[in-house]
Amino acid sequence: MFSPMKLILLVAVIAIVWYGFKAMGRMKAKAAKIDEANDQDNIEGRH
């Protein structure tokens, strides 16, 4: 069956994947916010 070491490893892998996706989501949101700010600067600069 499952040994305690395998369960610990499984939990660790799941945690790494979970936090990796959270970090990627934050990076995408930050990039979108920066792009939006750049777009606003470009729009204001044209007037």
PDB file of N, CA and C in Angstrom:
ATOM      1  N   MET A   1       0.840  -1.188   0.000  1.00  0.00           N
ATOM      2  CA  MET A   1       0.000   0.000   0.000  1.00  0.00           C
ATOM      3  C   MET A   1       0.880   1.245   0.000  1.00  0.00           C
ATOM      4  N   PHE A   2       0.426   2.232   0.781  1.00  0.00           N
ATOM      5  CA  PHE A   2       1.168   3.484   0.851  1.00  0.00           C
ATOM      6  C   PHE A   2       2.033   3.511   2.097  1.00  0.00           C
ATOM      7  N   SER A   3       3.256   3.890   1.898  1.00  0.00           N
ATOM      8  CA  SER A   3       4.122   4.090   3.054  1.00  0.00           C
ATOM      9  C   SER A   3       4.008   5.556   3.476  1.00  0.00           C
ATOM     10  N   PRO A   4       4.351   5.881   4.720  1.00  0.00           N
ATOM     11  CA  PRO A   4       4.283   7.283   5.160  1.00  0.00           C
ATOM     12  C   PRO A   4       5.145   8.207   4.294  1.00  0.00           C
ATOM     13  N   MET A   5       6.284   7.703   3.831  1.00  0.00           N
ATOM     14  CA  MET A   5       7.154   8.543   3.001  1.00  0.00           C
ATOM     15  C   MET A   5       6.482   8.898   1.677  1.00  0.00           C
ATOM     16  N   LYS A   6       5.778   7.948   1.083  1.00  0.00           N
ATOM     17  CA  LYS A   6       5.079   8.216  -0.173  1.00  0.00           C
ATOM     18  C   LYS A   6       3.968   9.240   0.036  1.00  0.00           C
ATOM     19  N   LEU A   7       3.262   9.149   1.139  1.00  0.00           N
ATOM     20  CA  LEU A   7       2.195  10.120   1.424  1.00  0.00           C
ATOM     21  C   LEU A   7       2.768  11.522   1.625  1.00  0.00           C
ATOM     22  N   ILE A   8       3.876  11.614   2.330  1.00  0.00           N
ATOM     23  CA  ILE A   8       4.518  12.913   2.541  1.00  0.00           C
ATOM     24  C   ILE A   8       4.963  13.497   1.203  1.00  0.00           C
ATOM     25  N   LEU A   9       5.551  12.670   0.362  1.00  0.00           N
ATOM     26  CA  LEU A   9       5.990  13.121  -0.955  1.00  0.00           C
ATOM     27  C   LEU A   9       4.805  13.578  -1.802  1.00  0.00           C
ATOM     28  N   LEU A  10       3.715  12.836  -1.760  1.00  0.00           N
ATOM     29  CA  LEU A  10       2.513  13.213  -2.506  1.00  0.00           C
ATOM     30  C   LEU A  10       1.982  14.566  -2.047  1.00  0.00           C
ATOM     31  N   VAL A  11       1.895  14.764  -0.750  1.00  0.00           N
ATOM     32  CA  VAL A  11       1.422  16.040  -0.206  1.00  0.00           C
ATOM     33  C   VAL A  11       2.353  17.175  -0.624  1.00  0.00           C
ATOM     34  N   ALA A  12       3.665  16.922  -0.591  1.00  0.00           N
ATOM     35  CA  ALA A  12       4.634  17.951  -0.984  1.00  0.00           C
ATOM     36  C   ALA A  12       4.470  18.323  -2.459  1.00  0.00           C
ATOM     37  N   VAL A  13       4.295  17.332  -3.315  1.00  0.00           N
ATOM     38  CA  VAL A  13       4.125  17.605  -4.744  1.00  0.00           C
ATOM     39  C   VAL A  13       2.851  18.390  -4.994  1.00  0.00           C
ATOM     40  N   ILE A  14       1.773  18.006  -4.338  1.00  0.00           N
ATOM     41  CA  ILE A  14       0.505  18.728  -4.495  1.00  0.00           C
ATOM     42  C   ILE A  14       0.655  20.173  -4.023  1.00  0.00           C
ATOM     43  N   ALA A  15       1.326  20.394  -2.902  1.00  0.00           N
ATOM     44  CA  ALA A  15       1.525  21.748  -2.389  1.00  0.00           C
ATOM     45  C   ALA A  15       2.366  22.582  -3.349  1.00  0.00           C
ATOM     46  N   ILE A  16       3.416  21.992  -3.910  1.00  0.00           N
ATOM     47  CA  ILE A  16       4.265  22.726  -4.852  1.00  0.00           C
ATOM     48  C   ILE A  16       3.471  23.142  -6.088  1.00  0.00           C
ATOM     49  N   VAL A  17       2.671  22.222  -6.612  1.00  0.00           N
ATOM     50  CA  VAL A  17       1.862  22.541  -7.790  1.00  0.00           C
ATOM     51  C   VAL A  17       0.835  23.613  -7.451  1.00  0.00           C
ATOM     52  N   TRP A  18       0.180  23.484  -6.312  1.00  0.00           N
ATOM     53  CA  TRP A  18      -0.844  24.450  -5.881  1.00  0.00           C
ATOM     54  C   TRP A  18      -0.258  25.854  -5.770  1.00  0.00           C
ATOM     55  N   TYR A  19       0.847  25.972  -5.037  1.00  0.00           N
ATOM     56  CA  TYR A  19       1.452  27.290  -4.859  1.00  0.00           C
ATOM     57  C   TYR A  19       2.074  27.806  -6.154  1.00  0.00           C
ATOM     58  N   GLY A  20       2.509  26.909  -7.024  1.00  0.00           N
ATOM     59  CA  GLY A  20       3.025  27.337  -8.325  1.00  0.00           C
ATOM     60  C   GLY A  20       1.940  27.988  -9.161  1.00  0.00           C
ATOM     61  N   PHE A  21       0.757  27.376  -9.187  1.00  0.00           N
ATOM     62  CA  PHE A  21      -0.352  27.967  -9.939  1.00  0.00           C
ATOM     63  C   PHE A  21      -0.781  29.298  -9.322  1.00  0.00           C
ATOM     64  N   LYS A  22      -0.774  29.393  -8.000  1.00  0.00           N
ATOM     65  CA  LYS A  22      -1.128  30.659  -7.361  1.00  0.00           C
ATOM     66  C   LYS A  22      -0.132  31.745  -7.744  1.00  0.00           C
ATOM     67  N   ALA A  23       1.165  31.407  -7.748  1.00  0.00           N
ATOM     68  CA  ALA A  23       2.192  32.379  -8.104  1.00  0.00           C
ATOM     69  C   ALA A  23       2.046  32.809  -9.561  1.00  0.00           C
ATOM     70  N   MET A  24       1.744  31.853 -10.447  1.00  0.00           N
ATOM     71  CA  MET A  24       1.555  32.197 -11.856  1.00  0.00           C
ATOM     72  C   MET A  24       0.359  33.130 -12.029  1.00  0.00           C
ATOM     73  N   GLY A  25      -0.701  32.887 -11.289  1.00  0.00           N
ATOM     74  CA  GLY A  25      -1.883  33.751 -11.363  1.00  0.00           C
ATOM     75  C   GLY A  25      -1.572  35.166 -10.909  1.00  0.00           C
ATOM     76  N   ARG A  26      -0.778  35.273  -9.834  1.00  0.00           N
ATOM     77  CA  ARG A  26      -0.393  36.605  -9.368  1.00  0.00           C
ATOM     78  C   ARG A  26       0.475  37.315 -10.390  1.00  0.00           C
ATOM     79  N   MET A  27       1.392  36.591 -11.022  1.00  0.00           N
ATOM     80  CA  MET A  27       2.257  37.205 -12.029  1.00  0.00           C
ATOM     81  C   MET A  27       1.451  37.673 -13.233  1.00  0.00           C
ATOM     82  N   LYS A  28       0.474  36.866 -13.656  1.00  0.00           N
ATOM     83  CA  LYS A  28      -0.367  37.264 -14.784  1.00  0.00           C
ATOM     84  C   LYS A  28      -1.194  38.497 -14.442  1.00  0.00           C
ATOM     85  N   ALA A  29      -1.738  38.544 -13.225  1.00  0.00           N
ATOM     86  CA  ALA A  29      -2.539  39.692 -12.805  1.00  0.00           C
ATOM     87  C   ALA A  29      -1.671  40.943 -12.744  1.00  0.00           C
ATOM     88  N   LYS A  30      -0.457  40.791 -12.238  1.00  0.00           N
ATOM     89  CA  LYS A  30       0.452  41.933 -12.149  1.00  0.00           C
ATOM     90  C   LYS A  30       0.829  42.429 -13.543  1.00  0.00           C
ATOM     91  N   ALA A  31       1.098  41.493 -14.466  1.00  0.00           N
ATOM     92  CA  ALA A  31       1.442  41.870 -15.837  1.00  0.00           C
ATOM     93  C   ALA A  31       0.264  42.571 -16.504  1.00  0.00           C
ATOM     94  N   ALA A  32      -0.945  42.082 -16.275  1.00  0.00           N
ATOM     95  CA  ALA A  32      -2.128  42.708 -16.860  1.00  0.00           C
ATOM     96  C   ALA A  32      -2.313  44.117 -16.298  1.00  0.00           C
ATOM     97  N   LYS A  33      -2.057  44.282 -15.022  1.00  0.00           N
ATOM     98  CA  LYS A  33      -2.196  45.605 -14.402  1.00  0.00           C
ATOM     99  C   LYS A  33      -1.167  46.568 -14.988  1.00  0.00           C
ATOM    100  N   ILE A  34       0.059  46.095 -15.188  1.00  0.00           N
ATOM    101  CA  ILE A  34       1.104  46.939 -15.773  1.00  0.00           C
ATOM    102  C   ILE A  34       0.744  47.298 -17.211  1.00  0.00           C
ATOM    103  N   ASP A  35       0.254  46.320 -17.979  1.00  0.00           N
ATOM    104  CA  ASP A  35      -0.152  46.593 -19.358  1.00  0.00           C
ATOM    105  C   ASP A  35      -1.281  47.611 -19.408  1.00  0.00           C
ATOM    106  N   GLU A  36      -2.229  47.476 -18.486  1.00  0.00           N
ATOM    107  CA  GLU A  36      -3.346  48.417 -18.443  1.00  0.00           C
ATOM    108  C   GLU A  36      -2.848  49.819 -18.123  1.00  0.00           C
ATOM    109  N   ALA A  37      -1.916  49.926 -17.193  1.00  0.00           N
ATOM    110  CA  ALA A  37      -1.360  51.231 -16.847  1.00  0.00           C
ATOM    111  C   ALA A  37      -0.610  51.815 -18.033  1.00  0.00           C
ATOM    112  N   ASN A  38       0.126  50.980 -18.759  1.00  0.00           N
ATOM    113  CA  ASN A  38       0.838  51.463 -19.943  1.00  0.00           C
ATOM    114  C   ASN A  38      -0.132  51.913 -21.014  1.00  0.00           C
ATOM    115  N   ASP A  39      -1.238  51.200 -21.179  1.00  0.00           N
ATOM    116  CA  ASP A  39      -2.241  51.591 -22.158  1.00  0.00           C
ATOM    117  C   ASP A  39      -2.854  52.936 -21.784  1.00  0.00           C
ATOM    118  N   GLN A  40      -3.123  53.146 -20.513  1.00  0.00           N
ATOM    119  CA  GLN A  40      -3.679  54.419 -20.060  1.00  0.00           C
ATOM    120  C   GLN A  40      -2.695  55.552 -20.311  1.00  0.00           C
ATOM    121  N   ASP A  41      -1.415  55.310 -20.062  1.00  0.00           N
ATOM    122  CA  ASP A  41      -0.397  56.334 -20.320  1.00  0.00           C
ATOM    123  C   ASP A  41      -0.348  56.672 -21.801  1.00  0.00           C
ATOM    124  N   ASN A  42      -0.453  55.659 -22.655  1.00  0.00           N
ATOM    125  CA  ASN A  42      -0.421  55.893 -24.098  1.00  0.00           C
ATOM    126  C   ASN A  42      -1.643  56.683 -24.554  1.00  0.00           C
ATOM    127  N   ILE A  43      -2.798  56.381 -23.983  1.00  0.00           N
ATOM    128  CA  ILE A  43      -4.029  57.096 -24.352  1.00  0.00           C
ATOM    129  C   ILE A  43      -3.929  58.555 -23.908  1.00  0.00           C
ATOM    130  N   GLU A  44      -3.462  58.780 -22.682  1.00  0.00           N
ATOM    131  CA  GLU A  44      -3.355  60.141 -22.172  1.00  0.00           C
ATOM    132  C   GLU A  44      -2.304  60.936 -22.945  1.00  0.00           C
ATOM    133  N   GLY A  45      -1.271  60.270 -23.404  1.00  0.00           N
ATOM    134  CA  GLY A  45      -0.214  60.950 -24.130  1.00  0.00           C
ATOM    135  C   GLY A  45      -0.644  61.411 -25.517  1.00  0.00           C
ATOM    136  N   ARG A  46      -1.677  60.818 -26.083  1.00  0.00           N
ATOM    137  CA  ARG A  46      -2.138  61.160 -27.442  1.00  0.00           C
ATOM    138  C   ARG A  46      -2.984  62.412 -27.457  1.00  0.00           C
ATOM    139  N   HIS A  47      -3.591  62.765 -26.332  1.00  0.00           N
ATOM    140  CA  HIS A  47      -4.511  63.906 -26.314  1.00  0.00           C
ATOM    141  C   HIS A  47      -3.773  65.176 -26.312  1.00  0.00           C
TER     142      HIS A  47
END
